[in-house]
Amino acid sequence: MPDLTGKTAVVTGATSGIGFEAALALSQRGAQVWLACRDQVKARLAAERIEAQGASLPVELVPLDLADLQSVRECSLQLRQRLPRLDLLINNAGVMLPPYSLTRDGFELQFGTNHLGHFALTGHLLSLLSTTRNARIINVSSIAHHFGSIHFEDLQSRHRYRAGQAYAQSKLANLLFTYELQRRLQNAGSETLAVACHPGWARTELQRHVETSGIRGWLFRQAERFFSQDARAGALPTLRAATDARVTPGDFYGPGGLFQAKGAPVRVNSSTASRDRPSQQRLWKVSEQLTGLSYLD
């Protein structure tokens, strides 16, 4: 990683796991890091841990609940008022496989948090990013996107909810959003880059809803032994997407090992569905309607 002195980074969902490790590494290389998190008690503890492990600057906090569009607006307003620049927006936070529930605005929790919350956050912060030279937006997806489909007729899973399908849909949405965002940035003449990454199979708190009992639990634990990596390794694709000078518009990074489950971060290919331009454009328009936020038209 290069020296990041003078750079400012906002990382969502950085109290543990991938987000914490990315924030730690960025801070150790000189960046001013802001943790945008829902639980401010956990965020303060995370900031203290980062500072104790060699942060170059004090770590700043800003409240953010991605499952509440009003919170997204308030967080963005605070950042725009307090930051003179924003070099890195790392859209990392997410939920995986929860029981069916809705966000405050009535969206299925995974789609609302993982995609719509970050879609809105990015839009609200775009003016700050656009005035910072060589800024980057990094959207954290998942290998699960390969199993995803966008159910435009039932985006909120009201008629049928399967947690795994809803999660895969939200992670596919992250990539459709990234590619359409990059196209619109280029059309607007912006030098801001939109790129994506995935951590492979990383052992983090995100897995807390995975079934661990019975034969399924046993099979999960056996597979985890051979195919998973720790959170620090899982953060490497994020860090490469954020800091590598060779990154190009719309790149996608993930582990280079078997099944992209673990290994050093490399450019990887996303699914055919993620590259479907009509789906990218349709999801963008639907996201504008659902969030009430229009940008880069």
C-alpha atoms as a PDB file:
ATOM      1  CA  MET A   1       0.000   0.000   0.000  1.00  0.00           C
ATOM      2  CA  PRO A   2       1.211   3.522  -0.758  1.00  0.00           C
ATOM      3  CA  ASP A   3       1.554   6.266   1.795  1.00  0.00           C
ATOM      4  CA  LEU A   4      -1.922   7.732   2.359  1.00  0.00           C
ATOM      5  CA  THR A   5      -0.975  10.866   4.258  1.00  0.00           C
ATOM      6  CA  GLY A   6      -3.465  13.626   3.454  1.00  0.00           C
ATOM      7  CA  LYS A   7      -6.144  11.191   2.276  1.00  0.00           C
ATOM      8  CA  THR A   8      -9.559  10.831   3.922  1.00  0.00           C
ATOM      9  CA  ALA A   9     -11.524   7.572   3.978  1.00  0.00           C
ATOM     10  CA  VAL A  10     -15.049   6.754   5.135  1.00  0.00           C
ATOM     11  CA  VAL A  11     -15.675   3.070   5.898  1.00  0.00           C
ATOM     12  CA  THR A  12     -19.178   1.805   6.630  1.00  0.00           C
ATOM     13  CA  GLY A  13     -19.668  -1.108   8.995  1.00  0.00           C
ATOM     14  CA  ALA A  14     -16.172  -0.930  10.460  1.00  0.00           C
ATOM     15  CA  THR A  15     -16.731  -2.159  14.026  1.00  0.00           C
ATOM     16  CA  SER A  16     -15.482  -5.657  13.178  1.00  0.00           C
ATOM     17  CA  GLY A  17     -14.520  -7.989  10.341  1.00  0.00           C
ATOM     18  CA  ILE A  18     -13.548  -6.748   6.900  1.00  0.00           C
ATOM     19  CA  GLY A  19     -14.456  -3.145   7.593  1.00  0.00           C
ATOM     20  CA  PHE A  20     -12.404  -2.979  10.783  1.00  0.00           C
ATOM     21  CA  GLU A  21      -9.330  -4.520   9.141  1.00  0.00           C
ATOM     22  CA  ALA A  22      -9.584  -2.188   6.153  1.00  0.00           C
ATOM     23  CA  ALA A  23      -9.958   0.854   8.397  1.00  0.00           C
ATOM     24  CA  LEU A  24      -6.982  -0.276  10.491  1.00  0.00           C
ATOM     25  CA  ALA A  25      -4.706  -0.714   7.480  1.00  0.00           C
ATOM     26  CA  LEU A  26      -5.724   2.608   5.928  1.00  0.00           C
ATOM     27  CA  SER A  27      -5.145   4.409   9.200  1.00  0.00           C
ATOM     28  CA  GLN A  28      -1.737   2.810   9.689  1.00  0.00           C
ATOM     29  CA  ARG A  29      -0.703   4.097   6.253  1.00  0.00           C
ATOM     30  CA  GLY A  30      -1.549   7.701   7.097  1.00  0.00           C
ATOM     31  CA  ALA A  31      -5.199   8.175   6.085  1.00  0.00           C
ATOM     32  CA  GLN A  32      -7.704  10.089   8.187  1.00  0.00           C
ATOM     33  CA  VAL A  33     -10.313   7.378   8.739  1.00  0.00           C
ATOM     34  CA  TRP A  34     -13.979   7.884   9.592  1.00  0.00           C
ATOM     35  CA  LEU A  35     -16.011   4.950  10.860  1.00  0.00           C
ATOM     36  CA  ALA A  36     -19.641   5.228   9.740  1.00  0.00           C
ATOM     37  CA  CYS A  37     -21.470   2.759  11.987  1.00  0.00           C
ATOM     38  CA  ARG A  38     -24.872   2.130  13.527  1.00  0.00           C
ATOM     39  CA  ASP A  39     -23.688   1.134  17.006  1.00  0.00           C
ATOM     40  CA  GLN A  40     -21.639   4.040  18.349  1.00  0.00           C
ATOM     41  CA  VAL A  41     -20.483   2.134  21.440  1.00  0.00           C
ATOM     42  CA  LYS A  42     -18.940  -0.572  19.266  1.00  0.00           C
ATOM     43  CA  ALA A  43     -17.599   2.110  16.928  1.00  0.00           C
ATOM     44  CA  ARG A  44     -15.778   3.865  19.779  1.00  0.00           C
ATOM     45  CA  LEU A  45     -14.255   0.562  20.908  1.00  0.00           C
ATOM     46  CA  ALA A  46     -13.152  -0.143  17.323  1.00  0.00           C
ATOM     47  CA  ALA A  47     -11.615   3.326  17.052  1.00  0.00           C
ATOM     48  CA  GLU A  48      -9.691   2.800  20.291  1.00  0.00           C
ATOM     49  CA  ARG A  49      -8.377  -0.530  19.014  1.00  0.00           C
ATOM     50  CA  ILE A  50      -7.250   1.058  15.750  1.00  0.00           C
ATOM     51  CA  GLU A  51      -5.542   3.928  17.562  1.00  0.00           C
ATOM     52  CA  ALA A  52      -3.796   1.466  19.892  1.00  0.00           C
ATOM     53  CA  GLN A  53      -2.445  -0.452  16.876  1.00  0.00           C
ATOM     54  CA  GLY A  54      -0.618   2.413  15.249  1.00  0.00           C
ATOM     55  CA  ALA A  55      -3.159   4.758  13.678  1.00  0.00           C
ATOM     56  CA  SER A  56      -1.429   7.797  12.221  1.00  0.00           C
ATOM     57  CA  LEU A  57      -4.314  10.087  13.219  1.00  0.00           C
ATOM     58  CA  PRO A  58      -7.223   9.901  15.674  1.00  0.00           C
ATOM     59  CA  VAL A  59     -10.098   7.885  14.234  1.00  0.00           C
ATOM     60  CA  GLU A  60     -13.339   9.825  13.763  1.00  0.00           C
ATOM     61  CA  LEU A  61     -16.895   8.513  14.158  1.00  0.00           C
ATOM     62  CA  VAL A  62     -20.179   9.344  12.476  1.00  0.00           C
ATOM     63  CA  PRO A  63     -23.538   7.617  13.156  1.00  0.00           C
ATOM     64  CA  LEU A  64     -24.980   5.698  10.215  1.00  0.00           C
ATOM     65  CA  ASP A  65     -27.865   3.244  10.035  1.00  0.00           C
ATOM     66  CA  LEU A  66     -28.102   2.074   6.434  1.00  0.00           C
ATOM     67  CA  ALA A  67     -31.518   0.582   7.154  1.00  0.00           C
ATOM     68  CA  ASP A  68     -32.894   4.103   7.704  1.00  0.00           C
ATOM     69  CA  LEU A  69     -32.714   6.610   4.837  1.00  0.00           C
ATOM     70  CA  GLN A  70     -33.115   9.527   7.255  1.00  0.00           C
ATOM     71  CA  SER A  71     -29.994   8.335   9.090  1.00  0.00           C
ATOM     72  CA  VAL A  72     -28.189   8.115   5.733  1.00  0.00           C
ATOM     73  CA  ARG A  73     -29.131  11.728   4.974  1.00  0.00           C
ATOM     74  CA  GLU A  74     -28.020  12.940   8.408  1.00  0.00           C
ATOM     75  CA  CYS A  75     -24.725  11.061   8.210  1.00  0.00           C
ATOM     76  CA  SER A  76     -24.007  12.492   4.764  1.00  0.00           C
ATOM     77  CA  LEU A  77     -24.828  16.021   5.911  1.00  0.00           C
ATOM     78  CA  GLN A  78     -22.402  15.716   8.840  1.00  0.00           C
ATOM     79  CA  LEU A  79     -19.653  14.458   6.568  1.00  0.00           C
ATOM     80  CA  ARG A  80     -20.191  17.187   3.989  1.00  0.00           C
ATOM     81  CA  GLN A  81     -20.084  19.826   6.720  1.00  0.00           C
ATOM     82  CA  ARG A  82     -16.991  18.457   8.441  1.00  0.00           C
ATOM     83  CA  LEU A  83     -14.812  17.137   5.619  1.00  0.00           C
ATOM     84  CA  PRO A  84     -12.923  19.301   3.121  1.00  0.00           C
ATOM     85  CA  ARG A  85     -12.272  16.238   0.931  1.00  0.00           C
ATOM     86  CA  LEU A  86     -13.217  12.569   0.572  1.00  0.00           C
ATOM     87  CA  ASP A  87     -10.752  10.301  -1.223  1.00  0.00           C
ATOM     88  CA  LEU A  88     -12.230   6.893  -0.409  1.00  0.00           C
ATOM     89  CA  LEU A  89     -15.819   5.854   0.227  1.00  0.00           C
ATOM     90  CA  ILE A  90     -15.786   2.175   1.179  1.00  0.00           C
ATOM     91  CA  ASN A  91     -19.339   0.811   1.125  1.00  0.00           C
ATOM     92  CA  ASN A  92     -18.616  -2.233   3.258  1.00  0.00           C
ATOM     93  CA  ALA A  93     -21.444  -2.678   5.774  1.00  0.00           C
ATOM     94  CA  GLY A  94     -23.935  -5.467   5.267  1.00  0.00           C
ATOM     95  CA  VAL A  95     -26.226  -8.068   6.753  1.00  0.00           C
ATOM     96  CA  MET A  96     -26.453 -11.712   5.705  1.00  0.00           C
ATOM     97  CA  LEU A  97     -29.182 -14.343   6.107  1.00  0.00           C
ATOM     98  CA  PRO A  98     -31.320 -12.698   8.811  1.00  0.00           C
ATOM     99  CA  PRO A  99     -34.909 -13.749   9.516  1.00  0.00           C
ATOM    100  CA  TYR A 100     -37.330 -11.802   7.348  1.00  0.00           C
ATOM    101  CA  SER A 101     -37.598  -8.198   8.442  1.00  0.00           C
ATOM    102  CA  LEU A 102     -37.984  -4.732   6.963  1.00  0.00           C
ATOM    103  CA  THR A 103     -35.965  -1.540   7.179  1.00  0.00           C
ATOM    104  CA  ARG A 104     -37.522   1.598   8.637  1.00  0.00           C
ATOM    105  CA  ASP A 105     -38.522   2.588   5.095  1.00  0.00           C
ATOM    106  CA  GLY A 106     -40.201  -0.757   4.361  1.00  0.00           C
ATOM    107  CA  PHE A 107     -37.484  -2.494   2.333  1.00  0.00           C
ATOM    108  CA  GLU A 108     -36.402  -6.104   2.830  1.00  0.00           C
ATOM    109  CA  LEU A 109     -33.524  -5.804   5.282  1.00  0.00           C
ATOM    110  CA  GLN A 110     -30.728  -7.216   3.089  1.00  0.00           C
ATOM    111  CA  PHE A 111     -31.710  -5.372  -0.086  1.00  0.00           C
ATOM    112  CA  GLY A 112     -32.394  -2.174   1.847  1.00  0.00           C
ATOM    113  CA  THR A 113     -29.159  -2.235   3.835  1.00  0.00           C
ATOM    114  CA  ASN A 114     -26.684  -3.804   1.442  1.00  0.00           C
ATOM    115  CA  HIS A 115     -27.807  -1.967  -1.683  1.00  0.00           C
ATOM    116  CA  LEU A 116     -30.292   0.868  -1.205  1.00  0.00           C
ATOM    117  CA  GLY A 117     -28.582   2.349   1.847  1.00  0.00           C
ATOM    118  CA  HIS A 118     -25.247   2.492   0.041  1.00  0.00           C
ATOM    119  CA  PHE A 119     -26.868   3.762  -3.164  1.00  0.00           C
ATOM    120  CA  ALA A 120     -28.275   6.689  -1.179  1.00  0.00           C
ATOM    121  CA  LEU A 121     -25.083   7.305   0.799  1.00  0.00           C
ATOM    122  CA  THR A 122     -23.039   7.452  -2.396  1.00  0.00           C
ATOM    123  CA  GLY A 123     -25.432   9.907  -3.985  1.00  0.00           C
ATOM    124  CA  HIS A 124     -25.438  12.210  -0.984  1.00  0.00           C
ATOM    125  CA  LEU A 125     -21.616  12.229  -0.846  1.00  0.00           C
ATOM    126  CA  LEU A 126     -20.994  12.512  -4.570  1.00  0.00           C
ATOM    127  CA  SER A 127     -20.426  16.276  -4.492  1.00  0.00           C
ATOM    128  CA  LEU A 128     -17.648  15.815  -1.922  1.00  0.00           C
ATOM    129  CA  LEU A 129     -16.101  12.949  -3.868  1.00  0.00           C
ATOM    130  CA  SER A 130     -16.288  14.864  -7.137  1.00  0.00           C
ATOM    131  CA  THR A 131     -14.313  17.788  -5.742  1.00  0.00           C
ATOM    132  CA  THR A 132     -11.518  15.468  -4.561  1.00  0.00           C
ATOM    133  CA  ARG A 133      -8.984  14.479  -7.207  1.00  0.00           C
ATOM    134  CA  ASN A 134      -8.785  10.747  -7.971  1.00  0.00           C
ATOM    135  CA  ALA A 135     -11.449   9.784  -5.451  1.00  0.00           C
ATOM    136  CA  ARG A 136     -12.705   6.197  -5.372  1.00  0.00           C
ATOM    137  CA  ILE A 137     -15.962   4.492  -4.438  1.00  0.00           C
ATOM    138  CA  ILE A 138     -15.466   0.863  -3.416  1.00  0.00           C
ATOM    139  CA  ASN A 139     -18.524  -1.387  -3.191  1.00  0.00           C
ATOM    140  CA  VAL A 140     -18.030  -4.645  -1.309  1.00  0.00           C
ATOM    141  CA  SER A 141     -19.961  -7.478  -2.971  1.00  0.00           C
ATOM    142  CA  SER A 142     -19.702 -11.252  -2.472  1.00  0.00           C
ATOM    143  CA  ILE A 143     -19.055 -14.458  -4.406  1.00  0.00           C
ATOM    144  CA  ALA A 144     -22.709 -15.130  -3.582  1.00  0.00           C
ATOM    145  CA  HIS A 145     -23.615 -12.692  -6.367  1.00  0.00           C
ATOM    146  CA  HIS A 146     -23.015 -15.564  -8.810  1.00  0.00           C
ATOM    147  CA  PHE A 147     -26.170 -17.214  -7.426  1.00  0.00           C
ATOM    148  CA  GLY A 148     -28.236 -14.039  -7.489  1.00  0.00           C
ATOM    149  CA  SER A 149     -31.072 -12.746  -9.631  1.00  0.00           C
ATOM    150  CA  ILE A 150     -32.800  -9.385  -9.429  1.00  0.00           C
ATOM    151  CA  HIS A 151     -36.486 -10.071  -8.823  1.00  0.00           C
ATOM    152  CA  PHE A 152     -37.825  -6.765 -10.065  1.00  0.00           C
ATOM    153  CA  GLU A 153     -41.381  -8.001  -9.588  1.00  0.00           C
ATOM    154  CA  ASP A 154     -40.733  -8.648  -5.870  1.00  0.00           C
ATOM    155  CA  LEU A 155     -37.594  -6.806  -4.781  1.00  0.00           C
ATOM    156  CA  GLN A 156     -38.705  -6.743  -1.148  1.00  0.00           C
ATOM    157  CA  SER A 157     -39.429 -10.512  -1.017  1.00  0.00           C
ATOM    158  CA  ARG A 158     -42.991  -9.899   0.127  1.00  0.00           C
ATOM    159  CA  HIS A 159     -44.400 -12.909  -1.702  1.00  0.00           C
ATOM    160  CA  ARG A 160     -41.569 -15.313  -0.989  1.00  0.00           C
ATOM    161  CA  TYR A 161     -38.558 -14.939   1.276  1.00  0.00           C
ATOM    162  CA  ARG A 162     -35.534 -17.141   1.172  1.00  0.00           C
ATOM    163  CA  ALA A 163     -32.687 -15.565   3.083  1.00  0.00           C
ATOM    164  CA  GLY A 164     -29.952 -16.918   0.811  1.00  0.00           C
ATOM    165  CA  GLN A 165     -31.680 -15.746  -2.364  1.00  0.00           C
ATOM    166  CA  ALA A 166     -32.314 -12.305  -0.906  1.00  0.00           C
ATOM    167  CA  TYR A 167     -28.668 -12.006   0.133  1.00  0.00           C
ATOM    168  CA  ALA A 168     -27.434 -13.059  -3.320  1.00  0.00           C
ATOM    169  CA  GLN A 169     -29.816 -10.546  -4.906  1.00  0.00           C
ATOM    170  CA  SER A 170     -28.406  -7.735  -2.751  1.00  0.00           C
ATOM    171  CA  LYS A 171     -24.817  -8.664  -3.608  1.00  0.00           C
ATOM    172  CA  LEU A 172     -25.622  -8.817  -7.326  1.00  0.00           C
ATOM    173  CA  ALA A 173     -27.211  -5.391  -6.907  1.00  0.00           C
ATOM    174  CA  ASN A 174     -23.890  -4.091  -5.523  1.00  0.00           C
ATOM    175  CA  LEU A 175     -22.189  -4.979  -8.808  1.00  0.00           C
ATOM    176  CA  LEU A 176     -24.966  -3.744 -11.081  1.00  0.00           C
ATOM    177  CA  PHE A 177     -24.797  -0.467  -9.154  1.00  0.00           C
ATOM    178  CA  THR A 178     -20.998  -0.271  -9.450  1.00  0.00           C
ATOM    179  CA  TYR A 179     -20.934  -0.745 -13.205  1.00  0.00           C
ATOM    180  CA  GLU A 180     -23.784   1.687 -13.886  1.00  0.00           C
ATOM    181  CA  LEU A 181     -22.246   4.215 -11.478  1.00  0.00           C
ATOM    182  CA  GLN A 182     -18.906   4.035 -13.294  1.00  0.00           C
ATOM    183  CA  ARG A 183     -20.580   4.518 -16.667  1.00  0.00           C
ATOM    184  CA  ARG A 184     -22.463   7.580 -15.421  1.00  0.00           C
ATOM    185  CA  LEU A 185     -19.354   9.046 -13.806  1.00  0.00           C
ATOM    186  CA  GLN A 186     -17.472   8.728 -17.087  1.00  0.00           C
ATOM    187  CA  ASN A 187     -20.351  10.259 -19.045  1.00  0.00           C
ATOM    188  CA  ALA A 188     -20.323  13.192 -16.627  1.00  0.00           C
ATOM    189  CA  GLY A 189     -16.598  13.705 -17.179  1.00  0.00           C
ATOM    190  CA  SER A 190     -15.751  12.810 -13.585  1.00  0.00           C
ATOM    191  CA  GLU A 191     -12.388  11.291 -12.688  1.00  0.00           C
ATOM    192  CA  THR A 192     -13.906   9.521  -9.655  1.00  0.00           C
ATOM    193  CA  LEU A 193     -13.582   5.745  -9.971  1.00  0.00           C
ATOM    194  CA  ALA A 194     -16.218   3.176  -9.009  1.00  0.00           C
ATOM    195  CA  VAL A 195     -14.805  -0.282  -8.348  1.00  0.00           C
ATOM    196  CA  ALA A 196     -15.937  -3.415  -6.534  1.00  0.00           C
ATOM    197  CA  CYS A 197     -14.448  -6.240  -4.540  1.00  0.00           C
ATOM    198  CA  HIS A 198     -15.382  -9.309  -2.543  1.00  0.00           C
ATOM    199  CA  PRO A 199     -13.605 -10.919   0.432  1.00  0.00           C
ATOM    200  CA  GLY A 200     -14.023 -14.548  -0.538  1.00  0.00           C
ATOM    201  CA  TRP A 201     -15.010 -16.748   2.387  1.00  0.00           C
ATOM    202  CA  ALA A 202     -13.963 -14.658   5.358  1.00  0.00           C
ATOM    203  CA  ARG A 203     -14.584 -15.641   8.960  1.00  0.00           C
ATOM    204  CA  THR A 204     -16.471 -12.645  10.345  1.00  0.00           C
ATOM    205  CA  GLU A 205     -19.547 -11.780  12.408  1.00  0.00           C
ATOM    206  CA  LEU A 206     -21.485 -11.567   9.139  1.00  0.00           C
ATOM    207  CA  GLN A 207     -21.913 -15.342   9.407  1.00  0.00           C
ATOM    208  CA  ARG A 208     -23.808 -15.198  12.707  1.00  0.00           C
ATOM    209  CA  HIS A 209     -27.087 -16.285  11.098  1.00  0.00           C
ATOM    210  CA  VAL A 210     -25.554 -19.330   9.377  1.00  0.00           C
ATOM    211  CA  GLU A 211     -26.993 -22.583  10.697  1.00  0.00           C
ATOM    212  CA  THR A 212     -24.379 -24.336  12.862  1.00  0.00           C
ATOM    213  CA  SER A 213     -26.358 -27.292  14.216  1.00  0.00           C
ATOM    214  CA  GLY A 214     -26.994 -30.741  12.753  1.00  0.00           C
ATOM    215  CA  ILE A 215     -25.530 -32.121   9.556  1.00  0.00           C
ATOM    216  CA  ARG A 216     -25.652 -28.742   7.804  1.00  0.00           C
ATOM    217  CA  GLY A 217     -23.646 -27.171  10.576  1.00  0.00           C
ATOM    218  CA  TRP A 218     -21.097 -29.991  10.481  1.00  0.00           C
ATOM    219  CA  LEU A 219     -20.682 -29.645   6.709  1.00  0.00           C
ATOM    220  CA  PHE A 220     -20.319 -25.878   7.061  1.00  0.00           C
ATOM    221  CA  ARG A 221     -17.578 -26.216   9.655  1.00  0.00           C
ATOM    222  CA  GLN A 222     -15.665 -28.751   7.574  1.00  0.00           C
ATOM    223  CA  ALA A 223     -15.800 -26.560   4.470  1.00  0.00           C
ATOM    224  CA  GLU A 224     -14.807 -23.530   6.520  1.00  0.00           C
ATOM    225  CA  ARG A 225     -11.643 -25.302   7.676  1.00  0.00           C
ATOM    226  CA  PHE A 226     -10.376 -25.730   4.126  1.00  0.00           C
ATOM    227  CA  PHE A 227     -11.804 -22.805   2.165  1.00  0.00           C
ATOM    228  CA  SER A 228     -12.044 -19.812   4.495  1.00  0.00           C
ATOM    229  CA  GLN A 229      -9.601 -17.107   5.558  1.00  0.00           C
ATOM    230  CA  ASP A 230      -9.524 -14.657   8.440  1.00  0.00           C
ATOM    231  CA  ALA A 231     -10.898 -11.125   8.303  1.00  0.00           C
ATOM    232  CA  ARG A 232      -7.479  -9.567   7.797  1.00  0.00           C
ATOM    233  CA  ALA A 233      -6.927 -11.591   4.606  1.00  0.00           C
ATOM    234  CA  GLY A 234     -10.524 -10.971   3.580  1.00  0.00           C
ATOM    235  CA  ALA A 235      -9.894  -7.221   3.679  1.00  0.00           C
ATOM    236  CA  LEU A 236      -7.075  -7.383   1.117  1.00  0.00           C
ATOM    237  CA  PRO A 237      -9.315  -7.124  -1.987  1.00  0.00           C
ATOM    238  CA  THR A 238     -10.915  -4.017  -0.457  1.00  0.00           C
ATOM    239  CA  LEU A 239      -7.511  -2.492   0.213  1.00  0.00           C
ATOM    240  CA  ARG A 240      -6.232  -3.251  -3.268  1.00  0.00           C
ATOM    241  CA  ALA A 241      -9.345  -1.748  -4.850  1.00  0.00           C
ATOM    242  CA  ALA A 242      -8.917   1.318  -2.654  1.00  0.00           C
ATOM    243  CA  THR A 243      -5.197   1.983  -3.050  1.00  0.00           C
ATOM    244  CA  ASP A 244      -3.572   0.171  -5.988  1.00  0.00           C
ATOM    245  CA  ALA A 245      -2.403   2.687  -8.603  1.00  0.00           C
ATOM    246  CA  ARG A 246      -3.174   0.159 -11.351  1.00  0.00           C
ATOM    247  CA  VAL A 247      -6.910   0.031 -10.632  1.00  0.00           C
ATOM    248  CA  THR A 248      -9.029   0.894 -13.665  1.00  0.00           C
ATOM    249  CA  PRO A 249     -12.685   1.967 -13.900  1.00  0.00           C
ATOM    250  CA  GLY A 250     -15.155  -0.783 -13.013  1.00  0.00           C
ATOM    251  CA  ASP A 251     -12.539  -3.275 -11.789  1.00  0.00           C
ATOM    252  CA  PHE A 252     -13.616  -6.161  -9.561  1.00  0.00           C
ATOM    253  CA  TYR A 253     -11.178  -7.698  -7.063  1.00  0.00           C
ATOM    254  CA  GLY A 254     -11.325 -10.907  -5.066  1.00  0.00           C
ATOM    255  CA  PRO A 255      -9.101 -13.693  -3.725  1.00  0.00           C
ATOM    256  CA  GLY A 256      -7.084 -15.524  -6.361  1.00  0.00           C
ATOM    257  CA  GLY A 257      -7.338 -18.996  -4.851  1.00  0.00           C
ATOM    258  CA  LEU A 258      -9.647 -21.931  -5.569  1.00  0.00           C
ATOM    259  CA  PHE A 259     -13.262 -20.816  -6.110  1.00  0.00           C
ATOM    260  CA  GLN A 260     -12.118 -17.284  -5.174  1.00  0.00           C
ATOM    261  CA  ALA A 261     -12.594 -18.339  -1.558  1.00  0.00           C
ATOM    262  CA  LYS A 262      -9.199 -17.232  -0.275  1.00  0.00           C
ATOM    263  CA  GLY A 263      -5.809 -16.059  -1.460  1.00  0.00           C
ATOM    264  CA  ALA A 264      -4.053 -12.916  -2.610  1.00  0.00           C
ATOM    265  CA  PRO A 265      -6.271 -10.215  -4.158  1.00  0.00           C
ATOM    266  CA  VAL A 266      -6.466 -10.213  -7.954  1.00  0.00           C
ATOM    267  CA  ARG A 267      -8.799  -8.922 -10.655  1.00  0.00           C
ATOM    268  CA  VAL A 268     -11.667 -11.385 -11.006  1.00  0.00           C
ATOM    269  CA  ASN A 269     -14.650 -11.752 -13.297  1.00  0.00           C
ATOM    270  CA  SER A 270     -18.189 -11.162 -12.153  1.00  0.00           C
ATOM    271  CA  SER A 271     -21.259 -13.044 -13.351  1.00  0.00           C
ATOM    272  CA  THR A 272     -22.908 -12.570 -16.722  1.00  0.00           C
ATOM    273  CA  ALA A 273     -25.986 -11.251 -14.912  1.00  0.00           C
ATOM    274  CA  SER A 274     -23.927  -8.477 -13.309  1.00  0.00           C
ATOM    275  CA  ARG A 275     -22.779  -7.306 -16.745  1.00  0.00           C
ATOM    276  CA  ASP A 276     -26.281  -6.981 -18.187  1.00  0.00           C
ATOM    277  CA  ARG A 277     -26.622  -3.318 -19.071  1.00  0.00           C
ATOM    278  CA  PRO A 278     -30.448  -3.194 -19.179  1.00  0.00           C
ATOM    279  CA  SER A 279     -30.525  -4.656 -15.668  1.00  0.00           C
ATOM    280  CA  GLN A 280     -27.959  -2.085 -14.499  1.00  0.00           C
ATOM    281  CA  GLN A 281     -30.033   0.755 -15.891  1.00  0.00           C
ATOM    282  CA  ARG A 282     -33.323  -0.627 -14.598  1.00  0.00           C
ATOM    283  CA  LEU A 283     -31.969  -1.170 -11.093  1.00  0.00           C
ATOM    284  CA  TRP A 284     -30.597   2.380 -11.045  1.00  0.00           C
ATOM    285  CA  LYS A 285     -33.998   3.837 -11.942  1.00  0.00           C
ATOM    286  CA  VAL A 286     -35.798   1.651  -9.387  1.00  0.00           C
ATOM    287  CA  SER A 287     -33.250   2.615  -6.742  1.00  0.00           C
ATOM    288  CA  GLU A 288     -33.860   6.301  -7.468  1.00  0.00           C
ATOM    289  CA  GLN A 289     -37.592   5.779  -7.068  1.00  0.00           C
ATOM    290  CA  LEU A 290     -37.278   3.828  -3.817  1.00  0.00           C
ATOM    291  CA  THR A 291     -34.789   6.184  -2.172  1.00  0.00           C
ATOM    292  CA  GLY A 292     -36.203   9.405  -3.584  1.00  0.00           C
ATOM    293  CA  LEU A 293     -32.696  10.382  -4.636  1.00  0.00           C
ATOM    294  CA  SER A 294     -31.670  11.105  -8.217  1.00  0.00           C
ATOM    295  CA  TYR A 295     -28.090  11.758  -9.288  1.00  0.00           C
ATOM    296  CA  LEU A 296     -25.838  11.519 -12.351  1.00  0.00           C
ATOM    297  CA  ASP A 297     -28.777  11.657 -14.752  1.00  0.00           C
END
